[in-house]
Amino acid sequence: MHQHRVCYFMPLLFFFLSLLLLSSKVHGDLDMNFYGGSCPNLMKIVRNGVWSAIQNDTRMAASLLRLHFHDCFVNGCDGSVLLDDTSSAKGEKNAFPNRNSARGFEVIDDIKAKVETACPSTVSCSDILTLASRDAVYLAGGPFWSVALGRRDGTTASESDANSQIPSPFESLQNITAKFTSKGLTSKDVVVLSGAHTIGFAQCATFKRRLFDFDGSGKPDPSLDSSLLGDLQSLCPNESGSDTNLAPLDPVTKNRFDNVYYKNLMNSSGVLQSDQALMGDNDTASMVTYYSKYPYLFNKDFGASMAKMASIGVLTGENGEIRTNCRVVN
């Protein structure tokens, strides 16, 4: 009788073990345990680097998250945004969405140097950036999610692709959604990932026309909350010299990752016109309402959408390379 039980149990054991092994592998060749043997201290090195950077500058949490987003939306999550221009090629750093606004390059450089000391020529810059963005959200009070690893770094970057592929705050919701769907994402991902604007700041130039000359009317955007309008007009006076002044995207809890962003939209207090536009569509507005009520579900869905975004166009196996310096191709 005992032997029969053993014989019956063993196939089940192997079945569940195989499920466990399969569950660690996601999105093709990416694996939750990719560096488990080759760089066991990777997570700690990245977390410490991000923590130190945020302690020095609270804005860095949002900057690292934005850097990852801008990397993945240009031909996939391959670390191309980190490449410097060369004499023969213009990279992405000086594309319109990144010029004088993309930040965090030196943080990734510092983490990469420490990783290279611990595990030479082993961990890609794109994996470091992916982990750093997750840790930045977590350290700002947001959710923690598992990150599948094994990305390799691209060997090219394109200023023109960055200009055309990264969603812009000046675009319509329809155009922004089209850019998301072209990457395999959905309108739900648009709403969820827009929630990243619960932290961070925007330059006045990205929304100033709402304050003084909305749609060429010579007047402010009538849909903008009057109290916020006054605050933003003080921060961003109607002169070109204020274009680079900074305003918090979530004036209520500007350094904390939470769901207040969605509550702001419901109160007509979205700073960017592209954010407030989520309330102009029935489907996206219903999702905004949902996330404004259920912070736990926003956190859960944000982690899922970030993991989905981080799998866009990844290079694995023999494709790409492991850069030793994130700014230049080997």
Protein backbone atom coordinates (compact mmCIF):
# COMPACT_ATOMS: atom_id res chain seq x y z
CA MET A 1 0.00 0.00 0.00
CA HIS A 2 2.84 2.38 0.94
CA GLN A 3 4.61 1.71 -2.38
CA HIS A 4 1.47 2.57 -4.33
CA ARG A 5 1.21 5.88 -2.52
CA VAL A 6 4.85 6.70 -3.35
CA CYS A 7 4.36 5.79 -7.00
CA TYR A 8 1.23 7.93 -7.15
CA PHE A 9 2.85 10.87 -5.37
CA MET A 10 6.09 11.07 -7.39
CA PRO A 11 4.52 12.13 -10.75
CA LEU A 12 2.60 14.84 -8.88
CA LEU A 13 5.80 16.02 -7.23
CA PHE A 14 7.59 16.29 -10.58
CA PHE A 15 4.58 18.06 -12.05
CA PHE A 16 4.59 20.75 -9.36
CA LEU A 17 8.38 21.12 -9.51
CA SER A 18 8.18 21.66 -13.26
CA LEU A 19 5.49 24.29 -12.75
CA LEU A 20 7.72 26.03 -10.23
CA LEU A 21 10.63 26.06 -12.64
CA LEU A 22 8.45 27.30 -15.46
CA SER A 23 6.97 30.04 -13.31
CA SER A 24 10.42 31.63 -12.83
CA LYS A 25 10.75 32.01 -16.58
CA VAL A 26 8.61 34.75 -18.09
CA HIS A 27 8.56 36.68 -21.34
CA GLY A 28 10.64 34.24 -23.36
CA ASP A 29 14.19 33.95 -22.09
CA LEU A 30 13.83 36.35 -19.17
CA ASP A 31 14.11 34.67 -15.79
CA MET A 32 13.46 35.83 -12.23
CA ASN A 33 16.63 34.01 -11.13
CA PHE A 34 18.82 34.88 -14.10
CA TYR A 35 21.73 36.21 -12.00
CA GLY A 36 21.16 33.93 -9.00
CA GLY A 37 24.49 32.19 -9.50
CA SER A 38 26.48 34.71 -11.55
CA CYS A 39 25.79 37.87 -9.51
CA PRO A 40 24.04 36.96 -6.24
CA ASN A 41 24.42 40.44 -4.68
CA LEU A 42 22.94 42.30 -7.66
CA MET A 43 19.64 43.20 -5.98
CA LYS A 44 21.38 44.59 -2.90
CA ILE A 45 23.82 46.68 -4.97
CA VAL A 46 21.04 48.22 -7.06
CA ARG A 47 18.78 48.85 -4.06
CA ASN A 48 21.57 50.55 -2.10
CA GLY A 49 22.49 52.71 -5.10
CA VAL A 50 18.92 53.84 -5.65
CA TRP A 51 18.37 54.46 -1.94
CA SER A 52 21.50 56.62 -1.74
CA ALA A 53 20.46 58.61 -4.83
CA ILE A 54 16.96 59.31 -3.48
CA GLN A 55 18.36 60.32 -0.10
CA ASN A 56 20.45 62.89 -1.94
CA ASP A 57 17.63 64.02 -4.28
CA THR A 58 14.00 62.96 -3.76
CA ARG A 59 13.21 63.78 -7.40
CA MET A 60 15.50 60.96 -8.49
CA ALA A 61 12.82 58.32 -7.86
CA ALA A 62 10.63 59.80 -10.59
CA SER A 63 13.63 60.45 -12.84
CA LEU A 64 14.74 56.80 -12.81
CA LEU A 65 11.19 55.62 -13.48
CA ARG A 66 10.89 58.03 -16.42
CA LEU A 67 14.28 56.97 -17.77
CA HIS A 68 13.15 53.33 -17.88
CA PHE A 69 9.89 54.31 -19.59
CA HIS A 70 11.74 56.36 -22.22
CA ASP A 71 14.15 53.49 -22.82
CA CYS A 72 11.48 50.84 -23.34
CA PHE A 73 9.35 52.95 -25.68
CA VAL A 74 12.19 53.40 -28.20
CA ASN A 75 12.73 50.07 -29.91
CA GLY A 76 12.47 48.09 -26.69
CA CYS A 77 14.07 47.90 -23.24
CA ASP A 78 17.69 47.70 -24.38
CA GLY A 79 19.46 50.50 -22.52
CA SER A 80 19.65 52.63 -25.68
CA VAL A 81 18.61 55.78 -23.79
CA LEU A 82 21.84 55.51 -21.78
CA LEU A 83 24.15 55.78 -24.83
CA ASP A 84 26.01 59.04 -25.44
CA ASP A 85 26.10 60.61 -28.89
CA THR A 86 29.07 59.69 -31.07
CA SER A 87 30.72 61.45 -33.97
CA SER A 88 28.80 59.23 -36.36
CA ALA A 89 25.44 58.78 -34.62
CA LYS A 90 22.97 60.86 -32.63
CA GLY A 91 21.50 58.95 -29.73
CA GLU A 92 18.37 59.52 -27.66
CA LYS A 93 19.63 61.83 -24.92
CA ASN A 94 19.14 64.95 -27.03
CA ALA A 95 15.80 63.94 -28.53
CA PHE A 96 13.02 66.38 -27.66
CA PRO A 97 11.45 64.19 -24.91
CA ASN A 98 14.84 63.81 -23.17
CA ARG A 99 16.79 67.01 -23.85
CA ASN A 100 17.46 68.91 -20.61
CA SER A 101 14.91 66.76 -18.80
CA ALA A 102 16.08 63.12 -18.69
CA ARG A 103 17.99 62.54 -15.46
CA GLY A 104 19.58 59.71 -13.51
CA PHE A 105 22.35 58.72 -15.92
CA GLU A 106 25.03 59.20 -13.28
CA VAL A 107 23.05 57.05 -10.82
CA ILE A 108 23.00 54.17 -13.30
CA ASP A 109 26.71 54.74 -14.00
CA ASP A 110 27.51 54.50 -10.29
CA ILE A 111 25.46 51.33 -9.80
CA LYS A 112 26.96 49.79 -12.95
CA ALA A 113 30.51 50.47 -11.67
CA LYS A 114 29.75 48.67 -8.40
CA VAL A 115 28.11 45.78 -10.26
CA GLU A 116 31.14 45.49 -12.57
CA THR A 117 33.42 45.24 -9.52
CA ALA A 118 31.27 42.45 -8.06
CA CYS A 119 30.40 40.63 -11.31
CA PRO A 120 32.49 41.78 -14.31
CA SER A 121 30.81 41.73 -17.75
CA THR A 122 27.77 39.90 -16.39
CA VAL A 123 24.82 42.26 -15.84
CA SER A 124 23.37 44.43 -18.60
CA CYS A 125 22.70 48.14 -18.24
CA SER A 126 19.12 47.53 -19.32
CA ASP A 127 18.58 45.08 -16.44
CA ILE A 128 20.13 47.55 -13.99
CA LEU A 129 17.81 50.31 -15.22
CA THR A 130 14.78 47.99 -14.98
CA LEU A 131 15.64 47.05 -11.39
CA ALA A 132 16.45 50.65 -10.46
CA SER A 133 13.04 51.87 -11.63
CA ARG A 134 11.27 49.17 -9.59
CA ASP A 135 13.31 50.03 -6.48
CA ALA A 136 12.71 53.76 -7.01
CA VAL A 137 8.95 53.21 -6.92
CA TYR A 138 9.19 50.97 -3.87
CA LEU A 139 11.43 53.38 -1.94
CA ALA A 140 8.99 56.21 -2.73
CA GLY A 141 6.24 54.26 -0.97
CA GLY A 142 4.88 52.37 -3.97
CA PRO A 143 4.45 48.68 -4.76
CA PHE A 144 7.12 46.02 -5.12
CA TRP A 145 6.93 43.56 -8.00
CA SER A 146 9.11 40.74 -9.28
CA VAL A 147 11.42 41.68 -12.15
CA ALA A 148 12.38 39.09 -14.75
CA LEU A 149 16.00 39.51 -15.87
CA GLY A 150 18.29 38.51 -18.70
CA ARG A 151 18.02 41.54 -21.01
CA ARG A 152 21.03 42.37 -23.11
CA ASP A 153 22.04 45.84 -24.20
CA GLY A 154 21.41 47.26 -27.65
CA THR A 155 24.27 48.58 -29.77
CA THR A 156 22.37 51.42 -31.44
CA ALA A 157 20.29 54.43 -30.41
CA SER A 158 18.16 56.78 -32.48
CA GLU A 159 17.25 60.40 -31.81
CA SER A 160 14.59 60.33 -34.53
CA ASP A 161 12.98 57.17 -33.11
CA ALA A 162 12.89 58.74 -29.66
CA ASN A 163 11.17 61.81 -31.10
CA SER A 164 8.53 59.75 -32.87
CA GLN A 165 7.90 56.86 -30.44
CA ILE A 166 7.83 58.40 -26.95
CA PRO A 167 4.35 59.70 -26.02
CA SER A 168 4.24 63.47 -25.59
CA PRO A 169 2.21 65.56 -23.10
CA PHE A 170 1.10 67.65 -26.10
CA GLU A 171 -0.55 64.70 -27.86
CA SER A 172 -4.17 63.63 -27.79
CA LEU A 173 -5.24 60.63 -25.74
CA GLN A 174 -5.98 58.84 -29.01
CA ASN A 175 -2.41 59.29 -30.25
CA ILE A 176 -0.89 58.34 -26.90
CA THR A 177 -3.02 55.19 -26.76
CA ALA A 178 -1.95 54.31 -30.32
CA LYS A 179 1.70 54.52 -29.27
CA PHE A 180 1.02 52.21 -26.33
CA THR A 181 -0.86 49.67 -28.44
CA SER A 182 1.95 49.68 -31.01
CA LYS A 183 4.16 48.32 -28.19
CA GLY A 184 1.70 45.59 -27.23
CA LEU A 185 0.19 47.56 -24.35
CA THR A 186 -3.48 48.47 -23.84
CA SER A 187 -5.63 51.44 -22.89
CA LYS A 188 -5.66 50.04 -19.36
CA ASP A 189 -1.86 50.23 -19.35
CA VAL A 190 -2.14 53.88 -20.44
CA VAL A 191 -4.23 54.69 -17.36
CA VAL A 192 -2.16 52.57 -14.99
CA LEU A 193 1.27 53.75 -16.15
CA SER A 194 0.08 57.37 -16.22
CA GLY A 195 -0.24 56.88 -12.47
CA ALA A 196 3.55 57.18 -12.37
CA HIS A 197 2.84 60.92 -12.37
CA THR A 198 1.97 60.59 -8.71
CA ILE A 199 5.65 61.52 -8.24
CA GLY A 200 7.92 63.83 -10.19
CA PHE A 201 7.87 67.30 -11.67
CA ALA A 202 7.18 68.81 -15.08
CA GLN A 203 8.80 71.79 -16.73
CA CYS A 204 6.41 74.71 -17.15
CA ALA A 205 6.85 74.58 -20.94
CA THR A 206 4.98 71.26 -21.00
CA PHE A 207 1.72 72.74 -19.73
CA LYS A 208 2.03 76.56 -19.73
CA ARG A 209 -0.33 77.12 -22.64
CA ARG A 210 -3.12 75.73 -20.43
CA LEU A 211 -2.49 78.60 -18.02
CA PHE A 212 -2.58 81.56 -20.38
CA ASP A 213 -3.53 80.64 -23.95
CA PHE A 214 -5.52 77.44 -24.05
CA ASP A 215 -6.21 76.37 -27.64
CA GLY A 216 -5.28 79.87 -28.82
CA SER A 217 -8.09 81.48 -26.81
CA GLY A 218 -5.82 83.88 -24.92
CA LYS A 219 -7.42 82.54 -21.72
CA PRO A 220 -6.70 79.68 -19.29
CA ASP A 221 -8.11 76.20 -19.72
CA PRO A 222 -11.61 76.52 -18.24
CA SER A 223 -11.53 72.91 -17.03
CA LEU A 224 -8.50 73.49 -14.78
CA ASP A 225 -9.26 73.85 -11.06
CA SER A 226 -9.07 77.56 -10.20
CA SER A 227 -6.94 77.08 -7.10
CA LEU A 228 -4.39 74.98 -8.99
CA LEU A 229 -4.48 77.48 -11.85
CA GLY A 230 -3.41 80.27 -9.51
CA ASP A 231 -0.60 78.19 -8.02
CA LEU A 232 0.70 77.19 -11.44
CA GLN A 233 0.54 80.74 -12.80
CA SER A 234 2.70 81.83 -9.85
CA LEU A 235 5.19 79.04 -10.56
CA CYS A 236 5.10 79.60 -14.31
CA PRO A 237 4.64 83.29 -15.15
CA ASN A 238 3.76 84.06 -18.75
CA GLU A 239 7.30 84.65 -19.99
CA SER A 240 9.83 82.46 -21.76
CA GLY A 241 12.21 82.59 -18.82
CA SER A 242 9.86 80.39 -16.80
CA ASP A 243 9.82 77.51 -19.30
CA THR A 244 12.27 75.40 -17.30
CA ASN A 245 10.70 76.10 -13.89
CA LEU A 246 9.38 72.95 -12.24
CA ALA A 247 5.93 72.13 -10.91
CA PRO A 248 4.95 68.91 -9.09
CA LEU A 249 2.74 66.61 -11.14
CA ASP A 250 0.91 65.72 -7.94
CA PRO A 251 0.87 68.87 -5.79
CA VAL A 252 -0.80 67.03 -2.88
CA THR A 253 1.76 64.25 -2.18
CA LYS A 254 4.56 65.18 -4.56
CA ASN A 255 7.24 62.80 -3.27
CA ARG A 256 5.07 59.84 -2.30
CA PHE A 257 3.98 57.12 -4.69
CA ASP A 258 0.25 56.69 -4.07
CA ASN A 259 -3.11 56.93 -5.85
CA VAL A 260 -3.70 60.65 -5.18
CA TYR A 261 -2.88 61.35 -8.85
CA TYR A 262 -6.24 59.82 -9.78
CA LYS A 263 -8.08 61.84 -7.13
CA ASN A 264 -6.48 64.96 -8.59
CA LEU A 265 -7.80 64.11 -12.06
CA MET A 266 -11.31 63.74 -10.65
CA ASN A 267 -10.94 67.21 -9.11
CA SER A 268 -9.82 68.74 -12.45
CA SER A 269 -6.31 69.09 -11.02
CA GLY A 270 -4.24 67.19 -13.56
CA VAL A 271 -1.22 69.36 -14.37
CA LEU A 272 -0.57 67.96 -17.84
CA GLN A 273 -3.34 68.22 -20.41
CA SER A 274 -2.57 64.64 -21.49
CA ASP A 275 -3.25 63.47 -17.91
CA GLN A 276 -6.50 65.37 -17.52
CA ALA A 277 -7.61 63.99 -20.90
CA LEU A 278 -8.10 60.61 -19.20
CA MET A 279 -11.29 62.10 -17.75
CA GLY A 280 -12.60 62.99 -21.21
CA ASP A 281 -13.12 59.39 -22.30
CA ASN A 282 -15.75 57.19 -20.64
CA ASP A 283 -13.59 54.06 -20.51
CA THR A 284 -10.44 55.71 -19.15
CA ALA A 285 -12.47 57.93 -16.80
CA SER A 286 -14.08 54.87 -15.23
CA MET A 287 -10.63 53.40 -14.62
CA VAL A 288 -9.45 56.68 -13.06
CA THR A 289 -12.43 56.54 -10.69
CA TYR A 290 -11.67 52.91 -9.86
CA TYR A 291 -8.03 53.57 -8.99
CA SER A 292 -8.92 56.67 -6.99
CA LYS A 293 -11.00 54.44 -4.71
CA TYR A 294 -8.79 51.36 -4.48
CA PRO A 295 -5.11 52.13 -3.85
CA TYR A 296 -4.24 48.46 -3.31
CA LEU A 297 -5.59 47.53 -6.74
CA PHE A 298 -3.71 50.42 -8.35
CA ASN A 299 -0.49 49.18 -6.79
CA LYS A 300 -1.18 45.64 -7.97
CA ASP A 301 -1.99 46.69 -11.53
CA PHE A 302 0.92 49.14 -11.67
CA GLY A 303 3.39 46.36 -10.93
CA ALA A 304 1.76 44.17 -13.58
CA SER A 305 1.86 46.92 -16.23
CA MET A 306 5.47 47.77 -15.40
CA ALA A 307 6.47 44.11 -15.80
CA LYS A 308 4.62 44.05 -19.12
CA MET A 309 6.32 47.25 -20.31
CA ALA A 310 9.73 45.93 -19.24
CA SER A 311 9.35 43.02 -21.67
CA ILE A 312 8.95 45.22 -24.78
CA GLY A 313 11.45 44.30 -27.50
CA VAL A 314 14.03 42.81 -25.15
CA LEU A 315 17.27 41.34 -26.48
CA THR A 316 18.27 37.96 -25.05
CA GLY A 317 20.59 35.06 -25.77
CA GLU A 318 23.23 36.01 -28.32
CA ASN A 319 21.55 39.25 -29.32
CA GLY A 320 22.98 42.56 -28.16
CA GLU A 321 25.82 42.69 -25.64
CA ILE A 322 26.67 43.30 -21.98
CA ARG A 323 28.08 46.82 -21.96
CA THR A 324 30.88 47.44 -19.49
CA ASN A 325 30.13 51.19 -19.66
CA CYS A 326 26.47 52.09 -20.07
CA ARG A 327 27.30 55.22 -22.09
CA VAL A 328 29.19 53.51 -24.93
CA VAL A 329 29.00 50.35 -27.00
CA ASN A 330 31.79 47.87 -26.19
